[in-house]
């Protein structure tokens, strides 16, 4: 059975400012490219304490592994309170 590939939307509850978090997000594009089609990634600020990320063609197993990795958790600990992921499906 092959890897499960989906589109994912992540709400990011921030501890830091969006601008500080966004610099960190941009610096991690190489790691993200291992789990999704990075050139399609969308990111933006929802409000003062929330960012939104939309990822396309995500390998869900790889994403789960990345987000549970202690190095990723250490990297984001000072910037992110919580990542809230949602699966996206195109409307017919």
PDB file of N, CA and C in Angstrom:
ATOM      1  N   UNK A   1       0.843  -1.177   0.000  1.00  0.00           N
ATOM      2  CA  UNK A   1       0.000   0.000   0.000  1.00  0.00           C
ATOM      3  C   UNK A   1       0.891   1.244   0.000  1.00  0.00           C
ATOM      4  N   UNK A   2       0.560   2.236  -0.835  1.00  0.00           N
ATOM      5  CA  UNK A   2       1.376   3.435  -0.966  1.00  0.00           C
ATOM      6  C   UNK A   2       1.105   4.440   0.134  1.00  0.00           C
ATOM      7  N   UNK A   3       1.892   5.490   0.110  1.00  0.00           N
ATOM      8  CA  UNK A   3       1.724   6.560   1.083  1.00  0.00           C
ATOM      9  C   UNK A   3       0.419   7.304   0.819  1.00  0.00           C
ATOM     10  N   UNK A   4      -0.204   7.773   1.880  1.00  0.00           N
ATOM     11  CA  UNK A   4      -1.417   8.573   1.760  1.00  0.00           C
ATOM     12  C   UNK A   4      -1.000  10.009   1.488  1.00  0.00           C
ATOM     13  N   UNK A   5      -1.547  10.580   0.399  1.00  0.00           N
ATOM     14  CA  UNK A   5      -1.224  11.954   0.008  1.00  0.00           C
ATOM     15  C   UNK A   5      -2.515  12.766  -0.010  1.00  0.00           C
ATOM     16  N   UNK A   6      -2.507  13.884   0.709  1.00  0.00           N
ATOM     17  CA  UNK A   6      -3.686  14.752   0.810  1.00  0.00           C
ATOM     18  C   UNK A   6      -3.229  16.212   0.829  1.00  0.00           C
ATOM     19  N   UNK A   7      -4.207  17.101   0.772  1.00  0.00           N
ATOM     20  CA  UNK A   7      -3.955  18.524   0.984  1.00  0.00           C
ATOM     21  C   UNK A   7      -4.310  18.827   2.439  1.00  0.00           C
ATOM     22  N   UNK A   8      -3.503  19.663   3.087  1.00  0.00           N
ATOM     23  CA  UNK A   8      -3.659  19.921   4.516  1.00  0.00           C
ATOM     24  C   UNK A   8      -3.661  21.427   4.764  1.00  0.00           C
ATOM     25  N   UNK A   9      -4.556  21.861   5.648  1.00  0.00           N
ATOM     26  CA  UNK A   9      -4.595  23.247   6.105  1.00  0.00           C
ATOM     27  C   UNK A   9      -4.249  23.223   7.597  1.00  0.00           C
ATOM     28  N   UNK A  10      -3.323  24.054   8.019  1.00  0.00           N
ATOM     29  CA  UNK A  10      -2.893  24.077   9.418  1.00  0.00           C
ATOM     30  C   UNK A  10      -3.122  25.462   9.994  1.00  0.00           C
ATOM     31  N   UNK A  11      -3.865  25.503  11.088  1.00  0.00           N
ATOM     32  CA  UNK A  11      -4.000  26.736  11.857  1.00  0.00           C
ATOM     33  C   UNK A  11      -2.897  26.699  12.909  1.00  0.00           C
ATOM     34  N   UNK A  12      -2.125  27.769  12.973  1.00  0.00           N
ATOM     35  CA  UNK A  12      -0.986  27.828  13.886  1.00  0.00           C
ATOM     36  C   UNK A  12      -1.263  28.904  14.927  1.00  0.00           C
ATOM     37  N   UNK A  13      -1.424  28.468  16.178  1.00  0.00           N
ATOM     38  CA  UNK A  13      -1.605  29.402  17.290  1.00  0.00           C
ATOM     39  C   UNK A  13      -0.215  29.842  17.742  1.00  0.00           C
ATOM     40  N   UNK A  14       0.059  31.130  17.648  1.00  0.00           N
ATOM     41  CA  UNK A  14       1.403  31.658  17.853  1.00  0.00           C
ATOM     42  C   UNK A  14       1.667  32.132  19.273  1.00  0.00           C
ATOM     43  N   UNK A  15       2.903  31.905  19.731  1.00  0.00           N
ATOM     44  CA  UNK A  15       3.420  32.506  20.965  1.00  0.00           C
ATOM     45  C   UNK A  15       4.162  33.795  20.627  1.00  0.00           C
ATOM     46  N   UNK A  16       4.740  33.826  19.435  1.00  0.00           N
ATOM     47  CA  UNK A  16       5.542  34.974  18.984  1.00  0.00           C
ATOM     48  C   UNK A  16       4.698  35.849  18.073  1.00  0.00           C
ATOM     49  N   UNK A  17       5.306  36.901  17.545  1.00  0.00           N
ATOM     50  CA  UNK A  17       4.628  37.685  16.518  1.00  0.00           C
ATOM     51  C   UNK A  17       4.617  36.881  15.220  1.00  0.00           C
ATOM     52  N   UNK A  18       3.711  37.224  14.330  1.00  0.00           N
ATOM     53  CA  UNK A  18       3.660  36.554  13.028  1.00  0.00           C
ATOM     54  C   UNK A  18       4.977  36.754  12.288  1.00  0.00           C
ATOM     55  N   UNK A  19       5.508  37.953  12.312  1.00  0.00           N
ATOM     56  CA  UNK A  19       6.723  38.264  11.562  1.00  0.00           C
ATOM     57  C   UNK A  19       7.904  37.398  12.011  1.00  0.00           C
ATOM     58  N   UNK A  20       8.057  37.220  13.302  1.00  0.00           N
ATOM     59  CA  UNK A  20       9.146  36.388  13.836  1.00  0.00           C
ATOM     60  C   UNK A  20       8.917  34.926  13.439  1.00  0.00           C
ATOM     61  N   UNK A  21       7.696  34.437  13.620  1.00  0.00           N
ATOM     62  CA  UNK A  21       7.372  33.056  13.239  1.00  0.00           C
ATOM     63  C   UNK A  21       7.562  32.854  11.740  1.00  0.00           C
ATOM     64  N   UNK A  22       7.130  33.813  10.921  1.00  0.00           N
ATOM     65  CA  UNK A  22       7.205  33.685   9.466  1.00  0.00           C
ATOM     66  C   UNK A  22       8.654  33.512   8.998  1.00  0.00           C
ATOM     67  N   UNK A  23       9.593  34.222   9.615  1.00  0.00           N
ATOM     68  CA  UNK A  23      11.011  34.038   9.277  1.00  0.00           C
ATOM     69  C   UNK A  23      11.447  32.606   9.550  1.00  0.00           C
ATOM     70  N   UNK A  24      11.022  32.053  10.683  1.00  0.00           N
ATOM     71  CA  UNK A  24      11.329  30.662  11.007  1.00  0.00           C
ATOM     72  C   UNK A  24      10.694  29.731   9.979  1.00  0.00           C
ATOM     73  N   UNK A  25       9.435  29.981   9.643  1.00  0.00           N
ATOM     74  CA  UNK A  25       8.716  29.163   8.659  1.00  0.00           C
ATOM     75  C   UNK A  25       9.456  29.154   7.324  1.00  0.00           C
ATOM     76  N   UNK A  26       9.858  30.322   6.858  1.00  0.00           N
ATOM     77  CA  UNK A  26      10.560  30.403   5.575  1.00  0.00           C
ATOM     78  C   UNK A  26      11.895  29.670   5.616  1.00  0.00           C
ATOM     79  N   UNK A  27      12.565  29.702   6.758  1.00  0.00           N
ATOM     80  CA  UNK A  27      13.870  29.047   6.872  1.00  0.00           C
ATOM     81  C   UNK A  27      13.774  27.525   6.877  1.00  0.00           C
ATOM     82  N   UNK A  28      12.569  26.987   7.047  1.00  0.00           N
ATOM     83  CA  UNK A  28      12.388  25.533   7.135  1.00  0.00           C
ATOM     84  C   UNK A  28      11.829  24.928   5.840  1.00  0.00           C
ATOM     85  N   UNK A  29      11.918  25.641   4.735  1.00  0.00           N
ATOM     86  CA  UNK A  29      11.321  25.160   3.485  1.00  0.00           C
ATOM     87  C   UNK A  29      11.945  23.862   2.979  1.00  0.00           C
ATOM     88  N   UNK A  30      13.227  23.659   3.238  1.00  0.00           N
ATOM     89  CA  UNK A  30      13.873  22.423   2.785  1.00  0.00           C
ATOM     90  C   UNK A  30      13.244  21.201   3.467  1.00  0.00           C
ATOM     91  N   UNK A  31      12.993  21.291   4.757  1.00  0.00           N
ATOM     92  CA  UNK A  31      12.329  20.179   5.459  1.00  0.00           C
ATOM     93  C   UNK A  31      10.911  19.981   4.969  1.00  0.00           C
ATOM     94  N   UNK A  32      10.169  21.080   4.748  1.00  0.00           N
ATOM     95  CA  UNK A  32       8.797  20.979   4.257  1.00  0.00           C
ATOM     96  C   UNK A  32       8.758  20.318   2.894  1.00  0.00           C
ATOM     97  N   UNK A  33       9.753  20.594   2.062  1.00  0.00           N
ATOM     98  CA  UNK A  33       9.759  20.019   0.707  1.00  0.00           C
ATOM     99  C   UNK A  33       9.873  18.501   0.733  1.00  0.00           C
ATOM    100  N   UNK A  34      10.269  17.931   1.864  1.00  0.00           N
ATOM    101  CA  UNK A  34      10.344  16.474   2.004  1.00  0.00           C
ATOM    102  C   UNK A  34       8.973  15.854   2.265  1.00  0.00           C
ATOM    103  N   UNK A  35       7.994  16.678   2.658  1.00  0.00           N
ATOM    104  CA  UNK A  35       6.672  16.136   2.994  1.00  0.00           C
ATOM    105  C   UNK A  35       5.559  16.612   2.059  1.00  0.00           C
ATOM    106  N   UNK A  36       5.825  17.646   1.241  1.00  0.00           N
ATOM    107  CA  UNK A  36       4.766  18.191   0.383  1.00  0.00           C
ATOM    108  C   UNK A  36       5.371  18.847  -0.853  1.00  0.00           C
ATOM    109  N   UNK A  37       4.495  19.323  -1.741  1.00  0.00           N
ATOM    110  CA  UNK A  37       4.939  20.089  -2.909  1.00  0.00           C
ATOM    111  C   UNK A  37       5.128  21.535  -2.446  1.00  0.00           C
ATOM    112  N   UNK A  38       6.328  21.850  -1.998  1.00  0.00           N
ATOM    113  CA  UNK A  38       6.615  23.131  -1.342  1.00  0.00           C
ATOM    114  C   UNK A  38       6.322  24.336  -2.237  1.00  0.00           C
ATOM    115  N   UNK A  39       6.482  24.188  -3.536  1.00  0.00           N
ATOM    116  CA  UNK A  39       6.251  25.356  -4.410  1.00  0.00           C
ATOM    117  C   UNK A  39       4.776  25.777  -4.427  1.00  0.00           C
ATOM    118  N   UNK A  40       3.876  24.922  -3.952  1.00  0.00           N
ATOM    119  CA  UNK A  40       2.454  25.258  -3.883  1.00  0.00           C
ATOM    120  C   UNK A  40       2.020  25.761  -2.500  1.00  0.00           C
ATOM    121  N   UNK A  41       2.915  25.719  -1.521  1.00  0.00           N
ATOM    122  CA  UNK A  41       2.575  26.082  -0.144  1.00  0.00           C
ATOM    123  C   UNK A  41       2.101  27.533  -0.053  1.00  0.00           C
ATOM    124  N   UNK A  42       1.015  27.709   0.706  1.00  0.00           N
ATOM    125  CA  UNK A  42       0.464  29.039   0.972  1.00  0.00           C
ATOM    126  C   UNK A  42       0.560  29.304   2.468  1.00  0.00           C
ATOM    127  N   UNK A  43       0.914  30.521   2.830  1.00  0.00           N
ATOM    128  CA  UNK A  43       1.011  30.881   4.241  1.00  0.00           C
ATOM    129  C   UNK A  43       0.556  32.324   4.402  1.00  0.00           C
ATOM    130  N   UNK A  44      -0.118  32.585   5.531  1.00  0.00           N
ATOM    131  CA  UNK A  44      -0.561  33.943   5.770  1.00  0.00           C
ATOM    132  C   UNK A  44      -0.933  34.159   7.222  1.00  0.00           C
ATOM    133  N   UNK A  45      -1.137  35.414   7.567  1.00  0.00           N
ATOM    134  CA  UNK A  45      -1.522  35.798   8.920  1.00  0.00           C
ATOM    135  C   UNK A  45      -3.029  35.931   8.986  1.00  0.00           C
ATOM    136  N   UNK A  46      -3.661  35.261   9.950  1.00  0.00           N
ATOM    137  CA  UNK A  46      -5.104  35.379  10.140  1.00  0.00           C
ATOM    138  C   UNK A  46      -5.436  36.537  11.077  1.00  0.00           C
ATOM    139  N   UNK A  47      -4.668  36.632  12.177  1.00  0.00           N
ATOM    140  CA  UNK A  47      -4.818  37.735  13.125  1.00  0.00           C
ATOM    141  C   UNK A  47      -3.523  37.835  13.931  1.00  0.00           C
ATOM    142  N   UNK A  48      -3.508  38.592  14.987  1.00  0.00           N
ATOM    143  CA  UNK A  48      -2.269  38.849  15.729  1.00  0.00           C
ATOM    144  C   UNK A  48      -1.651  37.596  16.340  1.00  0.00           C
ATOM    145  N   UNK A  49      -2.444  36.571  16.587  1.00  0.00           N
ATOM    146  CA  UNK A  49      -1.929  35.366  17.249  1.00  0.00           C
ATOM    147  C   UNK A  49      -2.134  34.092  16.446  1.00  0.00           C
ATOM    148  N   UNK A  50      -2.465  34.230  15.159  1.00  0.00           N
ATOM    149  CA  UNK A  50      -2.767  33.050  14.348  1.00  0.00           C
ATOM    150  C   UNK A  50      -2.204  33.177  12.941  1.00  0.00           C
ATOM    151  N   UNK A  51      -1.535  32.099  12.510  1.00  0.00           N
ATOM    152  CA  UNK A  51      -1.093  31.974  11.119  1.00  0.00           C
ATOM    153  C   UNK A  51      -1.843  30.810  10.492  1.00  0.00           C
ATOM    154  N   UNK A  52      -1.892  30.795   9.155  1.00  0.00           N
ATOM    155  CA  UNK A  52      -2.525  29.703   8.429  1.00  0.00           C
ATOM    156  C   UNK A  52      -1.567  29.216   7.351  1.00  0.00           C
ATOM    157  N   UNK A  53      -1.478  27.896   7.237  1.00  0.00           N
ATOM    158  CA  UNK A  53      -0.627  27.276   6.219  1.00  0.00           C
ATOM    159  C   UNK A  53      -1.485  26.299   5.436  1.00  0.00           C
ATOM    160  N   UNK A  54      -1.395  26.333   4.108  1.00  0.00           N
ATOM    161  CA  UNK A  54      -2.034  25.324   3.280  1.00  0.00           C
ATOM    162  C   UNK A  54      -0.938  24.609   2.510  1.00  0.00           C
ATOM    163  N   UNK A  55      -0.908  23.286   2.681  1.00  0.00           N
ATOM    164  CA  UNK A  55       0.100  22.433   2.059  1.00  0.00           C
ATOM    165  C   UNK A  55      -0.584  21.497   1.073  1.00  0.00           C
ATOM    166  N   UNK A  56       0.049  21.258  -0.070  1.00  0.00           N
ATOM    167  CA  UNK A  56      -0.537  20.435  -1.120  1.00  0.00           C
ATOM    168  C   UNK A  56       0.317  19.194  -1.364  1.00  0.00           C
ATOM    169  N   UNK A  57      -0.370  18.116  -1.737  1.00  0.00           N
ATOM    170  CA  UNK A  57       0.296  16.835  -2.018  1.00  0.00           C
ATOM    171  C   UNK A  57       1.167  16.406  -0.846  1.00  0.00           C
ATOM    172  N   UNK A  58       0.574  16.414   0.340  1.00  0.00           N
ATOM    173  CA  UNK A  58       1.280  16.093   1.573  1.00  0.00           C
ATOM    174  C   UNK A  58       1.308  14.584   1.786  1.00  0.00           C
ATOM    175  N   UNK A  59       2.487  14.059   2.064  1.00  0.00           N
ATOM    176  CA  UNK A  59       2.627  12.682   2.516  1.00  0.00           C
ATOM    177  C   UNK A  59       2.298  12.709   4.009  1.00  0.00           C
ATOM    178  N   UNK A  60       1.109  12.187   4.362  1.00  0.00           N
ATOM    179  CA  UNK A  60       0.636  12.311   5.737  1.00  0.00           C
ATOM    180  C   UNK A  60       1.522  11.584   6.744  1.00  0.00           C
ATOM    181  N   UNK A  61       2.058  10.434   6.373  1.00  0.00           N
ATOM    182  CA  UNK A  61       2.963   9.722   7.283  1.00  0.00           C
ATOM    183  C   UNK A  61       4.215  10.551   7.546  1.00  0.00           C
ATOM    184  N   UNK A  62       4.768  11.138   6.491  1.00  0.00           N
ATOM    185  CA  UNK A  62       5.978  11.959   6.635  1.00  0.00           C
ATOM    186  C   UNK A  62       5.687  13.210   7.471  1.00  0.00           C
ATOM    187  N   UNK A  63       4.509  13.805   7.272  1.00  0.00           N
ATOM    188  CA  UNK A  63       4.151  15.002   8.046  1.00  0.00           C
ATOM    189  C   UNK A  63       4.001  14.655   9.526  1.00  0.00           C
ATOM    190  N   UNK A  64       3.340  13.552   9.814  1.00  0.00           N
ATOM    191  CA  UNK A  64       3.168  13.118  11.204  1.00  0.00           C
ATOM    192  C   UNK A  64       4.521  12.877  11.856  1.00  0.00           C
ATOM    193  N   UNK A  65       5.417  12.223  11.126  1.00  0.00           N
ATOM    194  CA  UNK A  65       6.764  11.967  11.658  1.00  0.00           C
ATOM    195  C   UNK A  65       7.507  13.266  11.914  1.00  0.00           C
ATOM    196  N   UNK A  66       7.418  14.204  10.960  1.00  0.00           N
ATOM    197  CA  UNK A  66       8.119  15.478  11.113  1.00  0.00           C
ATOM    198  C   UNK A  66       7.601  16.243  12.331  1.00  0.00           C
ATOM    199  N   UNK A  67       6.272  16.333  12.467  1.00  0.00           N
ATOM    200  CA  UNK A  67       5.691  17.139  13.543  1.00  0.00           C
ATOM    201  C   UNK A  67       5.900  16.513  14.920  1.00  0.00           C
ATOM    202  N   UNK A  68       6.112  15.194  14.970  1.00  0.00           N
ATOM    203  CA  UNK A  68       6.350  14.538  16.254  1.00  0.00           C
ATOM    204  C   UNK A  68       7.844  14.420  16.574  1.00  0.00           C
ATOM    205  N   UNK A  69       8.686  14.816  15.624  1.00  0.00           N
ATOM    206  CA  UNK A  69      10.134  14.754  15.824  1.00  0.00           C
ATOM    207  C   UNK A  69      10.554  15.755  16.910  1.00  0.00           C
ATOM    208  N   UNK A  70      11.342  15.321  17.894  1.00  0.00           N
ATOM    209  CA  UNK A  70      11.786  16.236  18.956  1.00  0.00           C
ATOM    210  C   UNK A  70      12.528  17.469  18.431  1.00  0.00           C
ATOM    211  N   UNK A  71      13.253  17.337  17.333  1.00  0.00           N
ATOM    212  CA  UNK A  71      13.958  18.496  16.762  1.00  0.00           C
ATOM    213  C   UNK A  71      12.974  19.543  16.235  1.00  0.00           C
ATOM    214  N   UNK A  72      11.887  19.094  15.586  1.00  0.00           N
ATOM    215  CA  UNK A  72      10.865  20.015  15.100  1.00  0.00           C
ATOM    216  C   UNK A  72      10.170  20.681  16.283  1.00  0.00           C
ATOM    217  N   UNK A  73       9.857  19.893  17.297  1.00  0.00           N
ATOM    218  CA  UNK A  73       9.190  20.450  18.477  1.00  0.00           C
ATOM    219  C   UNK A  73      10.080  21.465  19.182  1.00  0.00           C
ATOM    220  N   UNK A  74      11.381  21.181  19.243  1.00  0.00           N
ATOM    221  CA  UNK A  74      12.319  22.126  19.849  1.00  0.00           C
ATOM    222  C   UNK A  74      12.422  23.399  19.003  1.00  0.00           C
ATOM    223  N   UNK A  75      12.460  23.241  17.677  1.00  0.00           N
ATOM    224  CA  UNK A  75      12.552  24.369  16.750  1.00  0.00           C
ATOM    225  C   UNK A  75      11.375  25.328  16.917  1.00  0.00           C
ATOM    226  N   UNK A  76      10.171  24.782  17.109  1.00  0.00           N
ATOM    227  CA  UNK A  76       8.966  25.617  17.147  1.00  0.00           C
ATOM    228  C   UNK A  76       8.503  25.984  18.555  1.00  0.00           C
ATOM    229  N   UNK A  77       9.113  25.415  19.577  1.00  0.00           N
ATOM    230  CA  UNK A  77       8.630  25.575  20.963  1.00  0.00           C
ATOM    231  C   UNK A  77       8.465  27.023  21.402  1.00  0.00           C
ATOM    232  N   UNK A  78       9.386  27.891  21.032  1.00  0.00           N
ATOM    233  CA  UNK A  78       9.315  29.289  21.461  1.00  0.00           C
ATOM    234  C   UNK A  78       8.376  30.139  20.600  1.00  0.00           C
ATOM    235  N   UNK A  79       7.898  29.579  19.496  1.00  0.00           N
ATOM    236  CA  UNK A  79       7.119  30.347  18.521  1.00  0.00           C
ATOM    237  C   UNK A  79       5.662  29.906  18.414  1.00  0.00           C
ATOM    238  N   UNK A  80       5.414  28.609  18.682  1.00  0.00           N
ATOM    239  CA  UNK A  80       4.096  28.036  18.407  1.00  0.00           C
ATOM    240  C   UNK A  80       3.498  27.430  19.673  1.00  0.00           C
ATOM    241  N   UNK A  81       2.271  27.858  19.958  1.00  0.00           N
ATOM    242  CA  UNK A  81       1.516  27.259  21.059  1.00  0.00           C
ATOM    243  C   UNK A  81       0.910  25.935  20.604  1.00  0.00           C
ATOM    244  N   UNK A  82       0.348  25.920  19.369  1.00  0.00           N
ATOM    245  CA  UNK A  82      -0.340  24.722  18.888  1.00  0.00           C
ATOM    246  C   UNK A  82      -0.454  24.749  17.370  1.00  0.00           C
ATOM    247  N   UNK A  83      -0.291  23.564  16.749  1.00  0.00           N
ATOM    248  CA  UNK A  83      -0.592  23.360  15.330  1.00  0.00           C
ATOM    249  C   UNK A  83      -1.913  22.590  15.271  1.00  0.00           C
ATOM    250  N   UNK A  84      -2.886  23.091  14.515  1.00  0.00           N
ATOM    251  CA  UNK A  84      -4.175  22.421  14.391  1.00  0.00           C
ATOM    252  C   UNK A  84      -4.377  22.072  12.910  1.00  0.00           C
ATOM    253  N   UNK A  85      -4.092  20.814  12.505  1.00  0.00           N
ATOM    254  CA  UNK A  85      -4.176  20.441  11.093  1.00  0.00           C
ATOM    255  C   UNK A  85      -5.579  19.964  10.690  1.00  0.00           C
ATOM    256  N   UNK A  86      -5.936  20.256   9.453  1.00  0.00           N
ATOM    257  CA  UNK A  86      -7.193  19.815   8.853  1.00  0.00           C
ATOM    258  C   UNK A  86      -6.889  19.223   7.480  1.00  0.00           C
ATOM    259  N   UNK A  87      -7.594  18.165   7.111  1.00  0.00           N
ATOM    260  CA  UNK A  87      -7.479  17.623   5.757  1.00  0.00           C
ATOM    261  C   UNK A  87      -8.423  18.407   4.852  1.00  0.00           C
ATOM    262  N   UNK A  88      -7.976  18.698   3.625  1.00  0.00           N
ATOM    263  CA  UNK A  88      -8.784  19.428   2.657  1.00  0.00           C
ATOM    264  C   UNK A  88      -9.135  18.523   1.482  1.00  0.00           C
ATOM    265  N   UNK A  89     -10.360  18.645   1.021  1.00  0.00           N
ATOM    266  CA  UNK A  89     -10.791  17.938  -0.180  1.00  0.00           C
ATOM    267  C   UNK A  89     -11.410  18.938  -1.129  1.00  0.00           C
ATOM    268  N   UNK A  90     -11.073  18.847  -2.430  1.00  0.00           N
ATOM    269  CA  UNK A  90     -11.695  19.760  -3.396  1.00  0.00           C
ATOM    270  C   UNK A  90     -13.202  19.530  -3.462  1.00  0.00           C
ATOM    271  N   UNK A  91     -13.945  20.610  -3.667  1.00  0.00           N
ATOM    272  CA  UNK A  91     -15.397  20.491  -3.838  1.00  0.00           C
ATOM    273  C   UNK A  91     -15.690  20.015  -5.255  1.00  0.00           C
ATOM    274  N   UNK A  92     -16.676  19.175  -5.375  1.00  0.00           N
ATOM    275  CA  UNK A  92     -17.054  18.650  -6.709  1.00  0.00           C
ATOM    276  C   UNK A  92     -17.814  19.709  -7.483  1.00  0.00           C
TER     277      UNK A  92
END
